[in-house]
Amino acid sequence: MTKEMVKQLRVLAGFNQRELASSAGVSQTLIALIETGDRKLHSKLERKLYEVFGSAGIGGQEIALISDFLNKSKT
């Protein structure tokens, strides 16, 4: 999951950084650092974010569409 995906999924889910951080059990600062690319997203947190987004109604199909869109917009 890229930094862009984290931000786009967070916005789509209706979370601010603090709400996403609380749901994922991390600090708001960590979410901000991930979104700016200053920290890498580790696999354990990535799995937790997928769970959080899933509970907000964003499933694998939506995540794949956003990923495709973001990848195409880079080219």
N, C-alpha and C. Protein backbone atom coordinates (compact mmCIF):
# COMPACT_ATOMS: atom_id res chain seq x y z
N MET A 1 0.86 -1.16 0.00
CA MET A 1 0.00 0.00 0.00
C MET A 1 0.91 1.23 0.00
N THR A 2 0.68 2.11 -0.96
CA THR A 2 1.51 3.31 -1.07
C THR A 2 0.99 4.41 -0.15
N LYS A 3 1.80 5.43 0.01
CA LYS A 3 1.39 6.57 0.84
C LYS A 3 0.14 7.23 0.26
N GLU A 4 0.06 7.28 -1.09
CA GLU A 4 -1.11 7.87 -1.74
C GLU A 4 -2.35 7.05 -1.44
N MET A 5 -2.19 5.73 -1.46
CA MET A 5 -3.34 4.86 -1.18
C MET A 5 -3.84 5.05 0.25
N VAL A 6 -2.92 5.15 1.18
CA VAL A 6 -3.32 5.34 2.57
C VAL A 6 -4.18 6.58 2.68
N LYS A 7 -3.73 7.66 2.08
CA LYS A 7 -4.49 8.91 2.18
C LYS A 7 -5.83 8.82 1.46
N GLN A 8 -5.83 8.28 0.24
CA GLN A 8 -7.08 8.19 -0.51
C GLN A 8 -8.09 7.28 0.19
N LEU A 9 -7.63 6.15 0.70
CA LEU A 9 -8.53 5.25 1.41
C LEU A 9 -9.04 5.88 2.70
N ARG A 10 -8.16 6.61 3.37
CA ARG A 10 -8.58 7.30 4.61
C ARG A 10 -9.68 8.30 4.32
N VAL A 11 -9.49 9.09 3.28
CA VAL A 11 -10.49 10.10 2.91
C VAL A 11 -11.79 9.42 2.48
N LEU A 12 -11.67 8.38 1.66
CA LEU A 12 -12.85 7.65 1.19
C LEU A 12 -13.63 7.05 2.36
N ALA A 13 -12.92 6.58 3.36
CA ALA A 13 -13.56 5.99 4.53
C ALA A 13 -14.15 7.04 5.46
N GLY A 14 -13.82 8.30 5.23
CA GLY A 14 -14.35 9.39 6.05
C GLY A 14 -13.60 9.61 7.34
N PHE A 15 -12.36 9.15 7.40
CA PHE A 15 -11.53 9.32 8.59
C PHE A 15 -10.62 10.53 8.44
N ASN A 16 -10.37 11.22 9.54
CA ASN A 16 -9.23 12.12 9.56
C ASN A 16 -8.05 11.29 10.07
N GLN A 17 -6.88 11.88 10.08
CA GLN A 17 -5.70 11.11 10.48
C GLN A 17 -5.82 10.58 11.91
N ARG A 18 -6.35 11.38 12.78
CA ARG A 18 -6.47 10.98 14.18
C ARG A 18 -7.42 9.79 14.32
N GLU A 19 -8.53 9.82 13.61
CA GLU A 19 -9.50 8.72 13.68
C GLU A 19 -8.92 7.43 13.12
N LEU A 20 -8.23 7.53 11.98
CA LEU A 20 -7.61 6.34 11.41
C LEU A 20 -6.56 5.77 12.37
N ALA A 21 -5.74 6.65 12.92
CA ALA A 21 -4.71 6.21 13.86
C ALA A 21 -5.32 5.50 15.05
N SER A 22 -6.37 6.06 15.60
CA SER A 22 -7.02 5.46 16.76
C SER A 22 -7.58 4.08 16.41
N SER A 23 -8.21 3.96 15.26
CA SER A 23 -8.77 2.68 14.83
C SER A 23 -7.69 1.63 14.59
N ALA A 24 -6.52 2.09 14.15
CA ALA A 24 -5.42 1.17 13.85
C ALA A 24 -4.51 0.94 15.05
N GLY A 25 -4.71 1.69 16.12
CA GLY A 25 -3.89 1.51 17.31
C GLY A 25 -2.50 2.12 17.21
N VAL A 26 -2.38 3.20 16.43
CA VAL A 26 -1.10 3.89 16.30
C VAL A 26 -1.32 5.39 16.52
N SER A 27 -0.25 6.15 16.46
CA SER A 27 -0.37 7.59 16.67
C SER A 27 -0.75 8.32 15.38
N GLN A 28 -1.36 9.47 15.54
CA GLN A 28 -1.69 10.31 14.39
C GLN A 28 -0.42 10.74 13.69
N THR A 29 0.64 10.96 14.44
CA THR A 29 1.91 11.36 13.86
C THR A 29 2.43 10.30 12.89
N LEU A 30 2.29 9.03 13.27
CA LEU A 30 2.74 7.95 12.40
C LEU A 30 1.95 7.94 11.09
N ILE A 31 0.65 8.12 11.17
CA ILE A 31 -0.17 8.18 9.95
C ILE A 31 0.28 9.34 9.08
N ALA A 32 0.52 10.49 9.67
CA ALA A 32 0.98 11.65 8.91
C ALA A 32 2.32 11.37 8.24
N LEU A 33 3.24 10.76 8.97
CA LEU A 33 4.55 10.45 8.41
C LEU A 33 4.46 9.44 7.26
N ILE A 34 3.56 8.49 7.37
CA ILE A 34 3.35 7.52 6.30
C ILE A 34 2.79 8.22 5.07
N GLU A 35 1.80 9.08 5.28
CA GLU A 35 1.18 9.78 4.15
C GLU A 35 2.13 10.74 3.44
N THR A 36 3.11 11.26 4.14
CA THR A 36 4.08 12.15 3.50
C THR A 36 5.27 11.38 2.93
N GLY A 37 5.35 10.10 3.25
CA GLY A 37 6.45 9.28 2.76
C GLY A 37 7.69 9.33 3.62
N ASP A 38 7.57 9.95 4.79
CA ASP A 38 8.72 10.04 5.69
C ASP A 38 8.93 8.78 6.52
N ARG A 39 7.92 7.91 6.55
CA ARG A 39 8.03 6.60 7.22
C ARG A 39 7.45 5.55 6.30
N LYS A 40 8.03 4.38 6.33
CA LYS A 40 7.51 3.27 5.53
C LYS A 40 6.38 2.58 6.28
N LEU A 41 5.48 2.03 5.51
CA LEU A 41 4.37 1.28 6.07
C LEU A 41 4.80 -0.17 6.21
N HIS A 42 4.87 -0.65 7.44
CA HIS A 42 5.27 -2.03 7.68
C HIS A 42 4.09 -2.97 7.50
N SER A 43 4.38 -4.21 7.20
CA SER A 43 3.33 -5.17 6.84
C SER A 43 2.29 -5.36 7.94
N LYS A 44 2.70 -5.34 9.19
CA LYS A 44 1.73 -5.52 10.28
C LYS A 44 0.72 -4.38 10.30
N LEU A 45 1.19 -3.15 10.15
CA LEU A 45 0.27 -2.01 10.13
C LEU A 45 -0.55 -2.01 8.85
N GLU A 46 0.05 -2.41 7.75
CA GLU A 46 -0.70 -2.47 6.50
C GLU A 46 -1.89 -3.43 6.63
N ARG A 47 -1.66 -4.59 7.22
CA ARG A 47 -2.76 -5.54 7.43
C ARG A 47 -3.83 -4.94 8.32
N LYS A 48 -3.41 -4.22 9.35
CA LYS A 48 -4.38 -3.59 10.25
C LYS A 48 -5.19 -2.52 9.50
N LEU A 49 -4.53 -1.75 8.64
CA LEU A 49 -5.24 -0.73 7.88
C LEU A 49 -6.27 -1.36 6.95
N TYR A 50 -5.91 -2.49 6.32
CA TYR A 50 -6.88 -3.20 5.48
C TYR A 50 -8.10 -3.60 6.31
N GLU A 51 -7.88 -4.05 7.54
CA GLU A 51 -8.99 -4.40 8.42
C GLU A 51 -9.86 -3.19 8.74
N VAL A 52 -9.20 -2.07 9.07
CA VAL A 52 -9.92 -0.85 9.41
C VAL A 52 -10.74 -0.37 8.21
N PHE A 53 -10.13 -0.33 7.04
CA PHE A 53 -10.85 0.12 5.86
C PHE A 53 -11.98 -0.85 5.52
N GLY A 54 -11.74 -2.14 5.72
CA GLY A 54 -12.78 -3.13 5.49
C GLY A 54 -13.98 -2.92 6.41
N SER A 55 -13.72 -2.59 7.66
CA SER A 55 -14.81 -2.34 8.59
C SER A 55 -15.57 -1.06 8.25
N ALA A 56 -14.93 -0.19 7.47
CA ALA A 56 -15.58 1.04 7.01
C ALA A 56 -16.30 0.82 5.68
N GLY A 57 -16.30 -0.44 5.20
CA GLY A 57 -17.02 -0.76 3.98
C GLY A 57 -16.21 -0.69 2.71
N ILE A 58 -14.89 -0.56 2.84
CA ILE A 58 -14.03 -0.50 1.67
C ILE A 58 -13.33 -1.85 1.54
N GLY A 59 -13.77 -2.64 0.57
CA GLY A 59 -13.24 -3.98 0.40
C GLY A 59 -12.13 -4.05 -0.62
N GLY A 60 -11.73 -5.27 -0.89
CA GLY A 60 -10.63 -5.53 -1.81
C GLY A 60 -10.85 -4.97 -3.21
N GLN A 61 -12.09 -5.05 -3.70
CA GLN A 61 -12.36 -4.56 -5.05
C GLN A 61 -12.17 -3.04 -5.13
N GLU A 62 -12.65 -2.33 -4.14
CA GLU A 62 -12.47 -0.87 -4.13
C GLU A 62 -11.00 -0.50 -3.99
N ILE A 63 -10.30 -1.23 -3.16
CA ILE A 63 -8.87 -0.97 -2.98
C ILE A 63 -8.12 -1.22 -4.28
N ALA A 64 -8.46 -2.29 -4.99
CA ALA A 64 -7.82 -2.58 -6.27
C ALA A 64 -8.09 -1.48 -7.28
N LEU A 65 -9.32 -0.98 -7.33
CA LEU A 65 -9.65 0.11 -8.26
C LEU A 65 -8.86 1.38 -7.96
N ILE A 66 -8.75 1.70 -6.68
CA ILE A 66 -7.98 2.89 -6.29
C ILE A 66 -6.51 2.69 -6.63
N SER A 67 -5.99 1.50 -6.38
CA SER A 67 -4.60 1.21 -6.72
C SER A 67 -4.35 1.36 -8.22
N ASP A 68 -5.25 0.80 -9.03
CA ASP A 68 -5.12 0.92 -10.48
C ASP A 68 -5.15 2.38 -10.91
N PHE A 69 -6.09 3.13 -10.35
CA PHE A 69 -6.22 4.54 -10.70
C PHE A 69 -4.93 5.32 -10.35
N LEU A 70 -4.42 5.11 -9.16
CA LEU A 70 -3.23 5.82 -8.73
C LEU A 70 -2.02 5.43 -9.57
N ASN A 71 -1.92 4.15 -9.94
CA ASN A 71 -0.81 3.70 -10.77
C ASN A 71 -0.89 4.30 -12.17
N LYS A 72 -2.09 4.41 -12.72
CA LYS A 72 -2.26 4.99 -14.06
C LYS A 72 -2.02 6.49 -14.06
N SER A 73 -2.36 7.15 -12.95
CA SER A 73 -2.17 8.61 -12.89
C SER A 73 -0.71 8.99 -12.77
N LYS A 74 0.17 8.04 -12.40
CA LYS A 74 1.60 8.31 -12.30
C LYS A 74 2.27 8.29 -13.66
N THR A 75 1.62 7.66 -14.64
CA THR A 75 2.25 7.53 -15.96
C THR A 75 1.84 8.62 -16.89
